[in-house]
Amino acid sequence: MKTRDLLEEIKENIKDFDIATFEERARDENTDQTSKLHANFHIQNYNEIMELNIDENDESNIKIDEKLVNDIKDELADPLKDALLKVKKNLKDS
């Protein structure tokens, strides 16, 4: 896998992310400072990713270990799966 392919996959996965919620939180005078910093962090990262482009012939379009990428995806997915199971259990119990 090349870095360009991974970037495009990431962009595809976050393109529908509701960034407006974070923008509102960052502007809200009643939001505490920690939450504002957190919101601005997400806004900055989202914009940086969406604005980044790697051309096919760019020197940063290097080959990356696909197994490593898949391992990282699995690590990120595990906590999300656990959280989803907890939510489902809580809904079922209520």
Protein backbone atom coordinates (compact mmCIF):
# COMPACT_ATOMS: atom_id res chain seq x y z
CA MET A 1 0.00 0.00 0.00
CA LYS A 2 1.24 3.50 -0.79
CA THR A 3 0.77 6.51 1.46
CA ARG A 4 -1.44 8.13 -1.17
CA ASP A 5 -3.84 5.15 -1.04
CA LEU A 6 -3.97 5.27 2.75
CA LEU A 7 -4.63 9.01 2.71
CA GLU A 8 -7.50 8.54 0.27
CA GLU A 9 -8.95 5.78 2.46
CA ILE A 10 -8.75 8.01 5.52
CA LYS A 11 -10.40 10.89 3.64
CA GLU A 12 -13.20 8.59 2.50
CA ASN A 13 -13.77 7.42 6.08
CA ILE A 14 -13.95 10.92 7.58
CA LYS A 15 -15.61 12.87 4.77
CA ASP A 16 -19.05 12.72 6.44
CA PHE A 17 -17.69 13.59 9.89
CA ASP A 18 -19.89 16.28 11.44
CA ILE A 19 -17.22 18.91 11.97
CA ALA A 20 -19.88 21.61 12.49
CA THR A 21 -20.54 20.29 15.99
CA PHE A 22 -16.91 20.92 16.92
CA GLU A 23 -16.94 24.33 15.24
CA GLU A 24 -19.97 25.34 17.31
CA ARG A 25 -18.33 24.06 20.50
CA ALA A 26 -15.13 25.97 19.72
CA ARG A 27 -17.09 29.25 19.27
CA ASP A 28 -19.48 28.81 22.19
CA GLU A 29 -18.63 31.22 25.02
CA ASN A 30 -20.15 28.80 27.56
CA THR A 31 -17.85 25.94 26.56
CA ASP A 32 -15.04 25.24 29.02
CA GLN A 33 -11.47 25.77 27.85
CA THR A 34 -10.58 22.06 27.73
CA SER A 35 -13.56 21.28 25.49
CA LYS A 36 -12.66 24.21 23.23
CA LEU A 37 -9.10 22.92 22.89
CA HIS A 38 -10.44 19.43 22.16
CA ALA A 39 -12.83 20.81 19.51
CA ASN A 40 -10.10 22.90 17.88
CA PHE A 41 -7.82 19.86 17.83
CA HIS A 42 -10.43 17.87 15.88
CA ILE A 43 -11.12 20.76 13.51
CA GLN A 44 -7.43 21.29 12.79
CA ASN A 45 -6.77 17.58 12.19
CA TYR A 46 -9.84 17.19 9.97
CA ASN A 47 -8.92 20.20 7.84
CA GLU A 48 -5.29 19.15 7.60
CA ILE A 49 -6.21 15.67 6.39
CA MET A 50 -8.81 16.89 3.91
CA GLU A 51 -6.46 19.52 2.45
CA LEU A 52 -3.50 17.17 2.12
CA ASN A 53 -2.75 15.75 -1.30
CA ILE A 54 -0.06 13.29 -2.27
CA ASP A 55 0.66 12.98 -5.96
CA GLU A 56 1.47 9.57 -7.41
CA ASN A 57 5.02 10.68 -8.18
CA ASP A 58 5.52 12.63 -4.94
CA GLU A 59 8.54 11.50 -2.91
CA SER A 60 6.27 11.13 0.13
CA ASN A 61 4.19 8.52 -1.72
CA ILE A 62 6.19 5.70 -0.21
CA LYS A 63 5.26 2.07 0.17
CA ILE A 64 4.05 1.23 3.65
CA ASP A 65 3.60 -2.12 5.31
CA GLU A 66 -0.03 -3.08 4.76
CA LYS A 67 0.09 -5.56 7.66
CA LEU A 68 1.11 -2.73 9.97
CA VAL A 69 -1.74 -0.55 8.68
CA ASN A 70 -4.21 -3.40 9.24
CA ASP A 71 -2.84 -4.00 12.75
CA ILE A 72 -3.39 -0.33 13.60
CA LYS A 73 -6.91 -0.46 12.16
CA ASP A 74 -7.66 -3.49 14.33
CA GLU A 75 -6.29 -1.74 17.43
CA LEU A 76 -8.47 1.28 16.75
CA ALA A 77 -11.54 -0.84 16.05
CA ASP A 78 -11.38 -2.94 19.23
CA PRO A 79 -12.27 -0.15 21.70
CA LEU A 80 -15.03 1.02 19.38
CA LYS A 81 -16.50 -2.48 19.22
CA ASP A 82 -16.38 -2.73 23.03
CA ALA A 83 -18.10 0.65 23.40
CA LEU A 84 -20.80 -0.35 20.92
CA LEU A 85 -21.44 -3.60 22.80
CA LYS A 86 -21.78 -1.65 26.07
CA VAL A 87 -24.26 0.76 24.50
CA LYS A 88 -26.30 -2.11 23.08
CA LYS A 89 -26.27 -3.86 26.46
CA ASN A 90 -27.35 -0.68 28.25
CA LEU A 91 -30.18 -0.15 25.78
CA LYS A 92 -31.29 -3.74 26.17
CA ASP A 93 -31.20 -3.50 29.98
CA SER A 94 -33.23 -0.29 30.12
